[in-house]
Amino acid sequence: MRRGKRNPRAALEEIRGELLGILTAAVADLNSDRLSEESFDSFRTILQLGLEVVRDCRSVLETASR
């Protein structure tokens, strides 16, 4: 996770990819009973917030570039 002085859009896509990777791992843990449904639901709520922030930031960048 190295962002530094990069293109903000590329950094947001990297963050989004990392969040989706974490989701994939959480689903695998849920399926193998290493994560409870209650814990997964809590995680999913936080993940959704993170993805919404990324989406909102992308929207702001698109609007600013017009």
C-alpha atoms as a PDB file:
ATOM      1  CA  MET A   1       0.000   0.000   0.000  1.00  0.00           C
ATOM      2  CA  ARG A   2       2.200   2.778  -1.274  1.00  0.00           C
ATOM      3  CA  ARG A   3       0.373   5.868  -2.368  1.00  0.00           C
ATOM      4  CA  GLY A   4       2.761   8.797  -1.948  1.00  0.00           C
ATOM      5  CA  LYS A   5       2.446  11.399  -4.686  1.00  0.00           C
ATOM      6  CA  ARG A   6       0.307   9.461  -7.122  1.00  0.00           C
ATOM      7  CA  ASN A   7      -2.647  10.154  -9.274  1.00  0.00           C
ATOM      8  CA  PRO A   8      -5.573  10.489  -6.835  1.00  0.00           C
ATOM      9  CA  ARG A   9      -7.821   8.365  -9.051  1.00  0.00           C
ATOM     10  CA  ALA A  10      -5.253   5.584  -9.150  1.00  0.00           C
ATOM     11  CA  ALA A  11      -4.861   5.775  -5.369  1.00  0.00           C
ATOM     12  CA  LEU A  12      -8.638   5.480  -4.919  1.00  0.00           C
ATOM     13  CA  GLU A  13      -8.744   2.459  -7.221  1.00  0.00           C
ATOM     14  CA  GLU A  14      -5.949   0.873  -5.214  1.00  0.00           C
ATOM     15  CA  ILE A  15      -7.859   1.480  -1.985  1.00  0.00           C
ATOM     16  CA  ARG A  16     -11.035   0.064  -3.525  1.00  0.00           C
ATOM     17  CA  GLY A  17      -9.126  -3.021  -4.645  1.00  0.00           C
ATOM     18  CA  GLU A  18      -7.689  -3.486  -1.173  1.00  0.00           C
ATOM     19  CA  LEU A  19     -11.147  -3.217   0.381  1.00  0.00           C
ATOM     20  CA  LEU A  20     -12.538  -5.786  -2.039  1.00  0.00           C
ATOM     21  CA  GLY A  21      -9.606  -8.077  -1.256  1.00  0.00           C
ATOM     22  CA  ILE A  22     -10.395  -7.797   2.437  1.00  0.00           C
ATOM     23  CA  LEU A  23     -14.020  -8.622   1.640  1.00  0.00           C
ATOM     24  CA  THR A  24     -12.949 -11.725  -0.243  1.00  0.00           C
ATOM     25  CA  ALA A  25     -10.877 -12.871   2.739  1.00  0.00           C
ATOM     26  CA  ALA A  26     -13.760 -12.183   5.131  1.00  0.00           C
ATOM     27  CA  VAL A  27     -16.176 -14.214   2.992  1.00  0.00           C
ATOM     28  CA  ALA A  28     -13.694 -17.092   2.944  1.00  0.00           C
ATOM     29  CA  ASP A  29     -13.365 -16.862   6.731  1.00  0.00           C
ATOM     30  CA  LEU A  30     -17.154 -16.799   7.094  1.00  0.00           C
ATOM     31  CA  ASN A  31     -17.524 -19.859   4.857  1.00  0.00           C
ATOM     32  CA  SER A  32     -14.905 -21.781   6.827  1.00  0.00           C
ATOM     33  CA  ASP A  33     -16.455 -20.815  10.186  1.00  0.00           C
ATOM     34  CA  ARG A  34     -13.454 -18.719  11.237  1.00  0.00           C
ATOM     35  CA  LEU A  35     -15.720 -15.645  11.360  1.00  0.00           C
ATOM     36  CA  SER A  36     -19.174 -15.493  12.888  1.00  0.00           C
ATOM     37  CA  GLU A  37     -22.126 -14.079  10.986  1.00  0.00           C
ATOM     38  CA  GLU A  38     -22.423 -11.325  13.583  1.00  0.00           C
ATOM     39  CA  SER A  39     -18.781 -10.342  13.107  1.00  0.00           C
ATOM     40  CA  PHE A  40     -19.166 -10.477   9.343  1.00  0.00           C
ATOM     41  CA  ASP A  41     -22.209  -8.193   9.505  1.00  0.00           C
ATOM     42  CA  SER A  42     -20.242  -5.674  11.576  1.00  0.00           C
ATOM     43  CA  PHE A  43     -17.333  -5.884   9.161  1.00  0.00           C
ATOM     44  CA  ARG A  44     -19.639  -5.470   6.178  1.00  0.00           C
ATOM     45  CA  THR A  45     -21.100  -2.273   7.620  1.00  0.00           C
ATOM     46  CA  ILE A  46     -17.643  -0.763   8.023  1.00  0.00           C
ATOM     47  CA  LEU A  47     -16.604  -1.977   4.572  1.00  0.00           C
ATOM     48  CA  GLN A  48     -19.666  -0.347   3.003  1.00  0.00           C
ATOM     49  CA  LEU A  49     -18.710   2.946   4.626  1.00  0.00           C
ATOM     50  CA  GLY A  50     -15.203   2.676   3.212  1.00  0.00           C
ATOM     51  CA  LEU A  51     -16.486   1.897  -0.274  1.00  0.00           C
ATOM     52  CA  GLU A  52     -18.915   4.820  -0.074  1.00  0.00           C
ATOM     53  CA  VAL A  53     -16.081   7.175   0.861  1.00  0.00           C
ATOM     54  CA  VAL A  54     -14.061   5.949  -2.123  1.00  0.00           C
ATOM     55  CA  ARG A  55     -17.102   6.407  -4.386  1.00  0.00           C
ATOM     56  CA  ASP A  56     -17.736   9.912  -3.053  1.00  0.00           C
ATOM     57  CA  CYS A  57     -14.096  10.889  -3.496  1.00  0.00           C
ATOM     58  CA  ARG A  58     -14.155   9.615  -7.077  1.00  0.00           C
ATOM     59  CA  SER A  59     -17.282  11.673  -7.696  1.00  0.00           C
ATOM     60  CA  VAL A  60     -15.637  14.812  -6.299  1.00  0.00           C
ATOM     61  CA  LEU A  61     -12.574  14.265  -8.480  1.00  0.00           C
ATOM     62  CA  GLU A  62     -14.732  13.797 -11.575  1.00  0.00           C
ATOM     63  CA  THR A  63     -16.714  16.935 -10.809  1.00  0.00           C
ATOM     64  CA  ALA A  64     -13.545  18.950 -10.158  1.00  0.00           C
ATOM     65  CA  SER A  65     -11.996  17.888 -13.466  1.00  0.00           C
ATOM     66  CA  ARG A  66     -14.906  19.199 -15.567  1.00  0.00           C
END
